[in-house]
């Protein structure tokens, strides 16, 4: 698995998501400042639509989540698991900042 450069860290919006392509996979990236940097699949598992990057970030019982704009399912940013239905899960990706760049570990 390779690390893929997404963008300069300085251009990431804080507190909301952006979508990026990583080896033909849509990824939602969230820079939450002191709360961390997260990457999950952009596809909402309940609908198959690429919208999670546009979802609202929230905290549910101490777990950072993104709420899908469609059916409002909440997906944990740490591992992609849906709070309302554990059978639903968005892919999760390793992500890091290095030398001013945002990198996501690509799936082979």
PDB file of N, CA and C in Angstrom:
ATOM      1  N   UNK A   1       0.840  -1.181   0.000  1.00  0.00           N
ATOM      2  CA  UNK A   1       0.000   0.000   0.000  1.00  0.00           C
ATOM      3  C   UNK A   1       0.881   1.239   0.000  1.00  0.00           C
ATOM      4  N   UNK A   2       0.505   2.188  -0.806  1.00  0.00           N
ATOM      5  CA  UNK A   2       1.272   3.416  -0.931  1.00  0.00           C
ATOM      6  C   UNK A   2       0.530   4.583  -0.308  1.00  0.00           C
ATOM      7  N   UNK A   3       1.307   5.559   0.137  1.00  0.00           N
ATOM      8  CA  UNK A   3       0.737   6.815   0.595  1.00  0.00           C
ATOM      9  C   UNK A   3       0.541   7.705  -0.616  1.00  0.00           C
ATOM     10  N   UNK A   4      -0.644   8.301  -0.737  1.00  0.00           N
ATOM     11  CA  UNK A   4      -0.986   9.166  -1.859  1.00  0.00           C
ATOM     12  C   UNK A   4      -1.132  10.596  -1.361  1.00  0.00           C
ATOM     13  N   UNK A   5      -0.431  11.533  -2.019  1.00  0.00           N
ATOM     14  CA  UNK A   5      -0.554  12.943  -1.662  1.00  0.00           C
ATOM     15  C   UNK A   5      -1.916  13.453  -2.109  1.00  0.00           C
ATOM     16  N   UNK A   6      -2.633  14.095  -1.187  1.00  0.00           N
ATOM     17  CA  UNK A   6      -3.949  14.643  -1.489  1.00  0.00           C
ATOM     18  C   UNK A   6      -3.857  16.133  -1.774  1.00  0.00           C
ATOM     19  N   UNK A   7      -3.216  16.872  -0.874  1.00  0.00           N
ATOM     20  CA  UNK A   7      -3.126  18.325  -1.038  1.00  0.00           C
ATOM     21  C   UNK A   7      -2.152  18.883  -0.017  1.00  0.00           C
ATOM     22  N   UNK A   8      -1.935  20.177  -0.108  1.00  0.00           N
ATOM     23  CA  UNK A   8      -1.177  20.887   0.918  1.00  0.00           C
ATOM     24  C   UNK A   8      -2.050  20.956   2.170  1.00  0.00           C
ATOM     25  N   UNK A   9      -1.466  20.732   3.312  1.00  0.00           N
ATOM     26  CA  UNK A   9      -2.228  20.766   4.561  1.00  0.00           C
ATOM     27  C   UNK A   9      -2.874  22.126   4.796  1.00  0.00           C
ATOM     28  N   UNK A  10      -2.248  23.172   4.328  1.00  0.00           N
ATOM     29  CA  UNK A  10      -2.750  24.526   4.571  1.00  0.00           C
ATOM     30  C   UNK A  10      -4.065  24.830   3.853  1.00  0.00           C
ATOM     31  N   UNK A  11      -4.437  24.051   2.844  1.00  0.00           N
ATOM     32  CA  UNK A  11      -5.671  24.336   2.101  1.00  0.00           C
ATOM     33  C   UNK A  11      -6.878  23.544   2.613  1.00  0.00           C
ATOM     34  N   UNK A  12      -6.665  22.637   3.556  1.00  0.00           N
ATOM     35  CA  UNK A  12      -7.793  21.871   4.099  1.00  0.00           C
ATOM     36  C   UNK A  12      -8.698  22.768   4.933  1.00  0.00           C
ATOM     37  N   UNK A  13      -9.999  22.705   4.706  1.00  0.00           N
ATOM     38  CA  UNK A  13     -10.905  23.453   5.581  1.00  0.00           C
ATOM     39  C   UNK A  13     -10.935  22.798   6.969  1.00  0.00           C
ATOM     40  N   UNK A  14     -11.012  23.597   8.015  1.00  0.00           N
ATOM     41  CA  UNK A  14     -11.075  23.055   9.371  1.00  0.00           C
ATOM     42  C   UNK A  14     -12.529  22.874   9.783  1.00  0.00           C
ATOM     43  N   UNK A  15     -12.821  21.720  10.347  1.00  0.00           N
ATOM     44  CA  UNK A  15     -14.136  21.464  10.906  1.00  0.00           C
ATOM     45  C   UNK A  15     -15.177  20.940   9.925  1.00  0.00           C
ATOM     46  N   UNK A  16     -14.789  20.764   8.667  1.00  0.00           N
ATOM     47  CA  UNK A  16     -15.727  20.208   7.686  1.00  0.00           C
ATOM     48  C   UNK A  16     -14.962  19.283   6.757  1.00  0.00           C
ATOM     49  N   UNK A  17     -15.666  18.684   5.819  1.00  0.00           N
ATOM     50  CA  UNK A  17     -15.040  17.695   4.955  1.00  0.00           C
ATOM     51  C   UNK A  17     -14.788  18.174   3.545  1.00  0.00           C
ATOM     52  N   UNK A  18     -13.867  17.472   2.879  1.00  0.00           N
ATOM     53  CA  UNK A  18     -13.654  17.617   1.446  1.00  0.00           C
ATOM     54  C   UNK A  18     -13.586  16.218   0.848  1.00  0.00           C
ATOM     55  N   UNK A  19     -13.885  16.109  -0.414  1.00  0.00           N
ATOM     56  CA  UNK A  19     -13.791  14.830  -1.108  1.00  0.00           C
ATOM     57  C   UNK A  19     -12.527  14.801  -1.948  1.00  0.00           C
ATOM     58  N   UNK A  20     -11.924  13.625  -2.047  1.00  0.00           N
ATOM     59  CA  UNK A  20     -10.727  13.442  -2.863  1.00  0.00           C
ATOM     60  C   UNK A  20     -10.765  12.045  -3.470  1.00  0.00           C
ATOM     61  N   UNK A  21     -10.041  11.882  -4.557  1.00  0.00           N
ATOM     62  CA  UNK A  21      -9.895  10.567  -5.186  1.00  0.00           C
ATOM     63  C   UNK A  21      -8.579   9.959  -4.742  1.00  0.00           C
ATOM     64  N   UNK A  22      -8.630   8.714  -4.286  1.00  0.00           N
ATOM     65  CA  UNK A  22      -7.436   7.967  -3.920  1.00  0.00           C
ATOM     66  C   UNK A  22      -7.507   6.640  -4.672  1.00  0.00           C
ATOM     67  N   UNK A  23      -6.691   6.534  -5.707  1.00  0.00           N
ATOM     68  CA  UNK A  23      -6.690   5.310  -6.538  1.00  0.00           C
ATOM     69  C   UNK A  23      -8.099   4.877  -6.928  1.00  0.00           C
ATOM     70  N   UNK A  24      -8.851   5.788  -7.504  1.00  0.00           N
ATOM     71  CA  UNK A  24     -10.195   5.540  -8.015  1.00  0.00           C
ATOM     72  C   UNK A  24     -11.238   5.265  -6.926  1.00  0.00           C
ATOM     73  N   UNK A  25     -10.930   5.662  -5.701  1.00  0.00           N
ATOM     74  CA  UNK A  25     -11.873   5.529  -4.589  1.00  0.00           C
ATOM     75  C   UNK A  25     -12.172   6.921  -4.039  1.00  0.00           C
ATOM     76  N   UNK A  26     -13.454   7.241  -3.876  1.00  0.00           N
ATOM     77  CA  UNK A  26     -13.857   8.530  -3.309  1.00  0.00           C
ATOM     78  C   UNK A  26     -13.658   8.488  -1.799  1.00  0.00           C
ATOM     79  N   UNK A  27     -12.903   9.460  -1.281  1.00  0.00           N
ATOM     80  CA  UNK A  27     -12.574   9.525   0.140  1.00  0.00           C
ATOM     81  C   UNK A  27     -13.016  10.872   0.693  1.00  0.00           C
ATOM     82  N   UNK A  28     -13.637  10.855   1.871  1.00  0.00           N
ATOM     83  CA  UNK A  28     -14.016  12.078   2.583  1.00  0.00           C
ATOM     84  C   UNK A  28     -12.952  12.349   3.639  1.00  0.00           C
ATOM     85  N   UNK A  29     -12.378  13.554   3.601  1.00  0.00           N
ATOM     86  CA  UNK A  29     -11.302  13.921   4.511  1.00  0.00           C
ATOM     87  C   UNK A  29     -11.789  15.032   5.433  1.00  0.00           C
ATOM     88  N   UNK A  30     -11.521  14.857   6.733  1.00  0.00           N
ATOM     89  CA  UNK A  30     -11.969  15.807   7.747  1.00  0.00           C
ATOM     90  C   UNK A  30     -10.777  16.235   8.588  1.00  0.00           C
ATOM     91  N   UNK A  31     -10.488  17.535   8.594  1.00  0.00           N
ATOM     92  CA  UNK A  31      -9.447  18.094   9.447  1.00  0.00           C
ATOM     93  C   UNK A  31     -10.152  18.786  10.605  1.00  0.00           C
ATOM     94  N   UNK A  32     -10.057  18.179  11.768  1.00  0.00           N
ATOM     95  CA  UNK A  32     -10.749  18.697  12.934  1.00  0.00           C
ATOM     96  C   UNK A  32      -9.779  19.353  13.920  1.00  0.00           C
ATOM     97  N   UNK A  33      -8.691  19.877  13.401  1.00  0.00           N
ATOM     98  CA  UNK A  33      -7.721  20.590  14.227  1.00  0.00           C
ATOM     99  C   UNK A  33      -7.167  19.716  15.334  1.00  0.00           C
ATOM    100  N   UNK A  34      -7.314  20.162  16.575  1.00  0.00           N
ATOM    101  CA  UNK A  34      -6.796  19.405  17.724  1.00  0.00           C
ATOM    102  C   UNK A  34      -7.482  18.059  17.921  1.00  0.00           C
ATOM    103  N   UNK A  35      -8.664  17.880  17.316  1.00  0.00           N
ATOM    104  CA  UNK A  35      -9.381  16.603  17.450  1.00  0.00           C
ATOM    105  C   UNK A  35      -8.936  15.571  16.420  1.00  0.00           C
ATOM    106  N   UNK A  36      -8.073  15.958  15.495  1.00  0.00           N
ATOM    107  CA  UNK A  36      -7.486  14.983  14.590  1.00  0.00           C
ATOM    108  C   UNK A  36      -7.837  15.151  13.126  1.00  0.00           C
ATOM    109  N   UNK A  37      -7.232  14.297  12.330  1.00  0.00           N
ATOM    110  CA  UNK A  37      -7.395  14.240  10.889  1.00  0.00           C
ATOM    111  C   UNK A  37      -7.945  12.860  10.565  1.00  0.00           C
ATOM    112  N   UNK A  38      -9.034  12.813   9.789  1.00  0.00           N
ATOM    113  CA  UNK A  38      -9.715  11.552   9.522  1.00  0.00           C
ATOM    114  C   UNK A  38     -10.018  11.387   8.041  1.00  0.00           C
ATOM    115  N   UNK A  39     -10.090  10.133   7.606  1.00  0.00           N
ATOM    116  CA  UNK A  39     -10.477   9.828   6.231  1.00  0.00           C
ATOM    117  C   UNK A  39     -11.359   8.588   6.233  1.00  0.00           C
ATOM    118  N   UNK A  40     -12.549   8.733   5.653  1.00  0.00           N
ATOM    119  CA  UNK A  40     -13.475   7.606   5.477  1.00  0.00           C
ATOM    120  C   UNK A  40     -13.955   7.627   4.025  1.00  0.00           C
ATOM    121  N   UNK A  41     -14.489   6.504   3.572  1.00  0.00           N
ATOM    122  CA  UNK A  41     -15.039   6.476   2.231  1.00  0.00           C
ATOM    123  C   UNK A  41     -16.123   7.526   2.088  1.00  0.00           C
ATOM    124  N   UNK A  42     -16.176   8.177   0.952  1.00  0.00           N
ATOM    125  CA  UNK A  42     -17.163   9.229   0.738  1.00  0.00           C
ATOM    126  C   UNK A  42     -18.543   8.671   0.427  1.00  0.00           C
ATOM    127  N   UNK A  43     -18.628   7.396   0.107  1.00  0.00           N
ATOM    128  CA  UNK A  43     -19.904   6.776  -0.258  1.00  0.00           C
ATOM    129  C   UNK A  43     -20.697   6.425   0.998  1.00  0.00           C
ATOM    130  N   UNK A  44     -21.927   6.919   1.060  1.00  0.00           N
ATOM    131  CA  UNK A  44     -22.852   6.591   2.152  1.00  0.00           C
ATOM    132  C   UNK A  44     -23.276   5.134   1.973  1.00  0.00           C
ATOM    133  N   UNK A  45     -22.923   4.250   2.907  1.00  0.00           N
ATOM    134  CA  UNK A  45     -23.264   2.828   2.763  1.00  0.00           C
ATOM    135  C   UNK A  45     -24.766   2.547   2.689  1.00  0.00           C
ATOM    136  N   UNK A  46     -25.587   3.427   3.217  1.00  0.00           N
ATOM    137  CA  UNK A  46     -27.044   3.208   3.201  1.00  0.00           C
ATOM    138  C   UNK A  46     -27.645   3.502   1.830  1.00  0.00           C
ATOM    139  N   UNK A  47     -26.970   4.362   1.043  1.00  0.00           N
ATOM    140  CA  UNK A  47     -27.559   4.784  -0.232  1.00  0.00           C
ATOM    141  C   UNK A  47     -26.677   4.530  -1.446  1.00  0.00           C
ATOM    142  N   UNK A  48     -25.370   4.390  -1.238  1.00  0.00           N
ATOM    143  CA  UNK A  48     -24.448   4.233  -2.351  1.00  0.00           C
ATOM    144  C   UNK A  48     -24.089   5.539  -3.042  1.00  0.00           C
ATOM    145  N   UNK A  49     -24.454   6.662  -2.447  1.00  0.00           N
ATOM    146  CA  UNK A  49     -24.205   7.983  -3.031  1.00  0.00           C
ATOM    147  C   UNK A  49     -22.991   8.620  -2.346  1.00  0.00           C
ATOM    148  N   UNK A  50     -22.138   9.256  -3.127  1.00  0.00           N
ATOM    149  CA  UNK A  50     -20.933   9.908  -2.592  1.00  0.00           C
ATOM    150  C   UNK A  50     -21.282  11.260  -1.983  1.00  0.00           C
ATOM    151  N   UNK A  51     -21.546  11.278  -0.670  1.00  0.00           N
ATOM    152  CA  UNK A  51     -21.974  12.516  -0.015  1.00  0.00           C
ATOM    153  C   UNK A  51     -21.384  12.750   1.375  1.00  0.00           C
ATOM    154  N   UNK A  52     -20.644  11.816   1.924  1.00  0.00           N
ATOM    155  CA  UNK A  52     -20.232  11.959   3.324  1.00  0.00           C
ATOM    156  C   UNK A  52     -19.346  13.177   3.566  1.00  0.00           C
ATOM    157  N   UNK A  53     -18.561  13.601   2.577  1.00  0.00           N
ATOM    158  CA  UNK A  53     -17.723  14.786   2.759  1.00  0.00           C
ATOM    159  C   UNK A  53     -18.565  16.031   3.005  1.00  0.00           C
ATOM    160  N   UNK A  54     -19.828  16.009   2.585  1.00  0.00           N
ATOM    161  CA  UNK A  54     -20.721  17.161   2.787  1.00  0.00           C
ATOM    162  C   UNK A  54     -21.529  17.053   4.070  1.00  0.00           C
ATOM    163  N   UNK A  55     -21.316  15.982   4.838  1.00  0.00           N
ATOM    164  CA  UNK A  55     -22.066  15.791   6.075  1.00  0.00           C
ATOM    165  C   UNK A  55     -21.555  16.674   7.207  1.00  0.00           C
ATOM    166  N   UNK A  56     -22.398  16.813   8.218  1.00  0.00           N
ATOM    167  CA  UNK A  56     -22.035  17.595   9.406  1.00  0.00           C
ATOM    168  C   UNK A  56     -21.235  16.737  10.376  1.00  0.00           C
ATOM    169  N   UNK A  57     -20.179  17.299  10.916  1.00  0.00           N
ATOM    170  CA  UNK A  57     -19.363  16.613  11.915  1.00  0.00           C
ATOM    171  C   UNK A  57     -19.980  16.852  13.280  1.00  0.00           C
ATOM    172  N   UNK A  58     -20.053  15.793  14.080  1.00  0.00           N
ATOM    173  CA  UNK A  58     -20.657  15.907  15.402  1.00  0.00           C
ATOM    174  C   UNK A  58     -19.980  14.947  16.378  1.00  0.00           C
ATOM    175  N   UNK A  59     -20.310  15.102  17.638  1.00  0.00           N
ATOM    176  CA  UNK A  59     -19.807  14.237  18.699  1.00  0.00           C
ATOM    177  C   UNK A  59     -21.012  13.527  19.301  1.00  0.00           C
ATOM    178  N   UNK A  60     -20.995  12.200  19.253  1.00  0.00           N
ATOM    179  CA  UNK A  60     -22.069  11.407  19.842  1.00  0.00           C
ATOM    180  C   UNK A  60     -21.452  10.533  20.924  1.00  0.00           C
ATOM    181  N   UNK A  61     -21.766  10.854  22.159  1.00  0.00           N
ATOM    182  CA  UNK A  61     -21.256  10.120  23.318  1.00  0.00           C
ATOM    183  C   UNK A  61     -19.742   9.960  23.268  1.00  0.00           C
ATOM    184  N   UNK A  62     -19.049  11.041  22.920  1.00  0.00           N
ATOM    185  CA  UNK A  62     -17.598  11.027  22.901  1.00  0.00           C
ATOM    186  C   UNK A  62     -16.966  10.485  21.634  1.00  0.00           C
ATOM    187  N   UNK A  63     -17.784  10.139  20.648  1.00  0.00           N
ATOM    188  CA  UNK A  63     -17.252   9.616  19.392  1.00  0.00           C
ATOM    189  C   UNK A  63     -17.486  10.638  18.283  1.00  0.00           C
ATOM    190  N   UNK A  64     -16.413  11.018  17.602  1.00  0.00           N
ATOM    191  CA  UNK A  64     -16.552  11.952  16.488  1.00  0.00           C
ATOM    192  C   UNK A  64     -17.174  11.224  15.306  1.00  0.00           C
ATOM    193  N   UNK A  65     -18.191  11.854  14.722  1.00  0.00           N
ATOM    194  CA  UNK A  65     -18.945  11.236  13.631  1.00  0.00           C
ATOM    195  C   UNK A  65     -19.220  12.247  12.532  1.00  0.00           C
ATOM    196  N   UNK A  66     -19.607  11.725  11.376  1.00  0.00           N
ATOM    197  CA  UNK A  66     -20.142  12.555  10.303  1.00  0.00           C
ATOM    198  C   UNK A  66     -21.563  12.054  10.042  1.00  0.00           C
ATOM    199  N   UNK A  67     -22.503  12.996   9.938  1.00  0.00           N
ATOM    200  CA  UNK A  67     -23.900  12.667   9.665  1.00  0.00           C
ATOM    201  C   UNK A  67     -24.121  12.725   8.159  1.00  0.00           C
ATOM    202  N   UNK A  68     -24.589  11.650   7.587  1.00  0.00           N
ATOM    203  CA  UNK A  68     -24.873  11.639   6.156  1.00  0.00           C
ATOM    204  C   UNK A  68     -25.962  12.662   5.850  1.00  0.00           C
ATOM    205  N   UNK A  69     -25.782  13.451   4.793  1.00  0.00           N
ATOM    206  CA  UNK A  69     -26.806  14.444   4.442  1.00  0.00           C
ATOM    207  C   UNK A  69     -28.126  13.821   3.970  1.00  0.00           C
ATOM    208  N   UNK A  70     -28.116  12.537   3.622  1.00  0.00           N
ATOM    209  CA  UNK A  70     -29.325  11.928   3.078  1.00  0.00           C
ATOM    210  C   UNK A  70     -30.261  11.395   4.161  1.00  0.00           C
ATOM    211  N   UNK A  71     -29.878  10.311   4.821  1.00  0.00           N
ATOM    212  CA  UNK A  71     -30.747   9.716   5.833  1.00  0.00           C
ATOM    213  C   UNK A  71     -30.300  10.003   7.259  1.00  0.00           C
ATOM    214  N   UNK A  72     -29.268  10.839   7.397  1.00  0.00           N
ATOM    215  CA  UNK A  72     -28.772  11.295   8.702  1.00  0.00           C
ATOM    216  C   UNK A  72     -28.165  10.190   9.557  1.00  0.00           C
ATOM    217  N   UNK A  73     -27.742   9.081   8.931  1.00  0.00           N
ATOM    218  CA  UNK A  73     -26.981   8.084   9.681  1.00  0.00           C
ATOM    219  C   UNK A  73     -25.669   8.729  10.114  1.00  0.00           C
ATOM    220  N   UNK A  74     -25.172   8.333  11.269  1.00  0.00           N
ATOM    221  CA  UNK A  74     -23.932   8.874  11.811  1.00  0.00           C
ATOM    222  C   UNK A  74     -22.833   7.819  11.705  1.00  0.00           C
ATOM    223  N   UNK A  75     -21.751   8.156  10.995  1.00  0.00           N
ATOM    224  CA  UNK A  75     -20.625   7.246  10.809  1.00  0.00           C
ATOM    225  C   UNK A  75     -19.445   7.740  11.624  1.00  0.00           C
ATOM    226  N   UNK A  76     -18.894   6.855  12.450  1.00  0.00           N
ATOM    227  CA  UNK A  76     -17.756   7.221  13.291  1.00  0.00           C
ATOM    228  C   UNK A  76     -16.539   7.505  12.418  1.00  0.00           C
ATOM    229  N   UNK A  77     -15.873   8.613  12.672  1.00  0.00           N
ATOM    230  CA  UNK A  77     -14.712   8.977  11.875  1.00  0.00           C
ATOM    231  C   UNK A  77     -13.516   8.069  12.149  1.00  0.00           C
ATOM    232  N   UNK A  78     -13.451   7.500  13.313  1.00  0.00           N
ATOM    233  CA  UNK A  78     -12.328   6.629  13.678  1.00  0.00           C
ATOM    234  C   UNK A  78     -12.308   5.335  12.862  1.00  0.00           C
ATOM    235  N   UNK A  79     -13.483   4.718  12.684  1.00  0.00           N
ATOM    236  CA  UNK A  79     -13.512   3.408  12.010  1.00  0.00           C
ATOM    237  C   UNK A  79     -14.608   3.251  10.962  1.00  0.00           C
ATOM    238  N   UNK A  80     -15.453   4.265  10.760  1.00  0.00           N
ATOM    239  CA  UNK A  80     -16.488   4.212   9.727  1.00  0.00           C
ATOM    240  C   UNK A  80     -17.772   3.509  10.108  1.00  0.00           C
ATOM    241  N   UNK A  81     -17.860   2.943  11.308  1.00  0.00           N
ATOM    242  CA  UNK A  81     -19.036   2.190  11.727  1.00  0.00           C
ATOM    243  C   UNK A  81     -20.213   3.132  11.986  1.00  0.00           C
ATOM    244  N   UNK A  82     -21.381   2.738  11.533  1.00  0.00           N
ATOM    245  CA  UNK A  82     -22.603   3.525  11.700  1.00  0.00           C
ATOM    246  C   UNK A  82     -23.133   3.372  13.128  1.00  0.00           C
ATOM    247  N   UNK A  83     -23.455   4.487  13.762  1.00  0.00           N
ATOM    248  CA  UNK A  83     -23.987   4.468  15.132  1.00  0.00           C
ATOM    249  C   UNK A  83     -25.367   3.811  15.172  1.00  0.00           C
ATOM    250  N   UNK A  84     -26.224   4.135  14.208  1.00  0.00           N
ATOM    251  CA  UNK A  84     -27.605   3.640  14.219  1.00  0.00           C
ATOM    252  C   UNK A  84     -27.748   2.192  13.749  1.00  0.00           C
ATOM    253  N   UNK A  85     -26.823   1.724  12.916  1.00  0.00           N
ATOM    254  CA  UNK A  85     -26.923   0.371  12.352  1.00  0.00           C
ATOM    255  C   UNK A  85     -25.515  -0.161  12.132  1.00  0.00           C
ATOM    256  N   UNK A  86     -25.038  -1.001  13.050  1.00  0.00           N
ATOM    257  CA  UNK A  86     -23.660  -1.499  12.973  1.00  0.00           C
ATOM    258  C   UNK A  86     -23.418  -2.393  11.761  1.00  0.00           C
ATOM    259  N   UNK A  87     -24.470  -2.757  11.035  1.00  0.00           N
ATOM    260  CA  UNK A  87     -24.295  -3.505   9.791  1.00  0.00           C
ATOM    261  C   UNK A  87     -23.808  -2.598   8.657  1.00  0.00           C
ATOM    262  N   UNK A  88     -23.939  -1.285   8.835  1.00  0.00           N
ATOM    263  CA  UNK A  88     -23.469  -0.316   7.849  1.00  0.00           C
ATOM    264  C   UNK A  88     -22.120   0.230   8.291  1.00  0.00           C
ATOM    265  N   UNK A  89     -21.204   0.348   7.354  1.00  0.00           N
ATOM    266  CA  UNK A  89     -19.887   0.858   7.684  1.00  0.00           C
ATOM    267  C   UNK A  89     -19.252   1.482   6.457  1.00  0.00           C
ATOM    268  N   UNK A  90     -18.725   2.693   6.624  1.00  0.00           N
ATOM    269  CA  UNK A  90     -17.945   3.345   5.577  1.00  0.00           C
ATOM    270  C   UNK A  90     -16.500   2.855   5.710  1.00  0.00           C
ATOM    271  N   UNK A  91     -15.817   2.757   4.604  1.00  0.00           N
ATOM    272  CA  UNK A  91     -14.408   2.365   4.651  1.00  0.00           C
ATOM    273  C   UNK A  91     -13.642   3.404   5.461  1.00  0.00           C
ATOM    274  N   UNK A  92     -12.629   2.979   6.187  1.00  0.00           N
ATOM    275  CA  UNK A  92     -11.778   3.942   6.874  1.00  0.00           C
ATOM    276  C   UNK A  92     -10.371   3.839   6.292  1.00  0.00           C
ATOM    277  N   UNK A  93      -9.663   4.963   6.292  1.00  0.00           N
ATOM    278  CA  UNK A  93      -8.340   5.045   5.697  1.00  0.00           C
ATOM    279  C   UNK A  93      -7.370   5.646   6.691  1.00  0.00           C
ATOM    280  N   UNK A  94      -6.114   5.220   6.608  1.00  0.00           N
ATOM    281  CA  UNK A  94      -5.059   5.877   7.374  1.00  0.00           C
ATOM    282  C   UNK A  94      -4.767   7.204   6.692  1.00  0.00           C
ATOM    283  N   UNK A  95      -4.535   8.234   7.487  1.00  0.00           N
ATOM    284  CA  UNK A  95      -4.262   9.565   6.960  1.00  0.00           C
ATOM    285  C   UNK A  95      -3.257  10.242   7.871  1.00  0.00           C
ATOM    286  N   UNK A  96      -2.421  11.086   7.269  1.00  0.00           N
ATOM    287  CA  UNK A  96      -1.425  11.804   8.081  1.00  0.00           C
ATOM    288  C   UNK A  96      -1.028  13.087   7.380  1.00  0.00           C
ATOM    289  N   UNK A  97      -0.436  13.986   8.177  1.00  0.00           N
ATOM    290  CA  UNK A  97       0.208  15.185   7.650  1.00  0.00           C
ATOM    291  C   UNK A  97       1.709  14.957   7.770  1.00  0.00           C
ATOM    292  N   UNK A  98       2.402  15.256   6.688  1.00  0.00           N
ATOM    293  CA  UNK A  98       3.849  15.077   6.691  1.00  0.00           C
ATOM    294  C   UNK A  98       4.479  16.121   5.782  1.00  0.00           C
ATOM    295  N   UNK A  99       5.394  16.892   6.320  1.00  0.00           N
ATOM    296  CA  UNK A  99       6.100  17.934   5.559  1.00  0.00           C
ATOM    297  C   UNK A  99       5.124  18.875   4.853  1.00  0.00           C
ATOM    298  N   UNK A 100       4.047  19.248   5.552  1.00  0.00           N
ATOM    299  CA  UNK A 100       3.085  20.187   5.006  1.00  0.00           C
ATOM    300  C   UNK A 100       2.111  19.597   3.998  1.00  0.00           C
ATOM    301  N   UNK A 101       2.139  18.288   3.835  1.00  0.00           N
ATOM    302  CA  UNK A 101       1.269  17.601   2.884  1.00  0.00           C
ATOM    303  C   UNK A 101       0.271  16.695   3.631  1.00  0.00           C
ATOM    304  N   UNK A 102      -0.903  16.478   3.032  1.00  0.00           N
ATOM    305  CA  UNK A 102      -1.863  15.504   3.547  1.00  0.00           C
ATOM    306  C   UNK A 102      -1.727  14.249   2.700  1.00  0.00           C
ATOM    307  N   UNK A 103      -1.515  13.120   3.373  1.00  0.00           N
ATOM    308  CA  UNK A 103      -1.328  11.839   2.691  1.00  0.00           C
ATOM    309  C   UNK A 103      -2.347  10.824   3.182  1.00  0.00           C
ATOM    310  N   UNK A 104      -2.875  10.042   2.254  1.00  0.00           N
ATOM    311  CA  UNK A 104      -3.814   8.971   2.589  1.00  0.00           C
ATOM    312  C   UNK A 104      -3.223   7.659   2.088  1.00  0.00           C
ATOM    313  N   UNK A 105      -3.324   6.624   2.911  1.00  0.00           N
ATOM    314  CA  UNK A 105      -2.818   5.319   2.512  1.00  0.00           C
ATOM    315  C   UNK A 105      -3.816   4.671   1.578  1.00  0.00           C
ATOM    316  N   UNK A 106      -3.376   4.389   0.378  1.00  0.00           N
ATOM    317  CA  UNK A 106      -4.235   3.823  -0.659  1.00  0.00           C
ATOM    318  C   UNK A 106      -4.473   2.337  -0.421  1.00  0.00           C
ATOM    319  N   UNK A 107      -5.628   1.892  -0.831  1.00  0.00           N
ATOM    320  CA  UNK A 107      -5.943   0.464  -0.813  1.00  0.00           C
ATOM    321  C   UNK A 107      -5.376  -0.128  -2.084  1.00  0.00           C
ATOM    322  N   UNK A 108      -4.716  -1.252  -1.969  1.00  0.00           N
ATOM    323  CA  UNK A 108      -4.090  -1.889  -3.147  1.00  0.00           C
ATOM    324  C   UNK A 108      -5.119  -2.309  -4.168  1.00  0.00           C
TER     325      UNK A 108
END
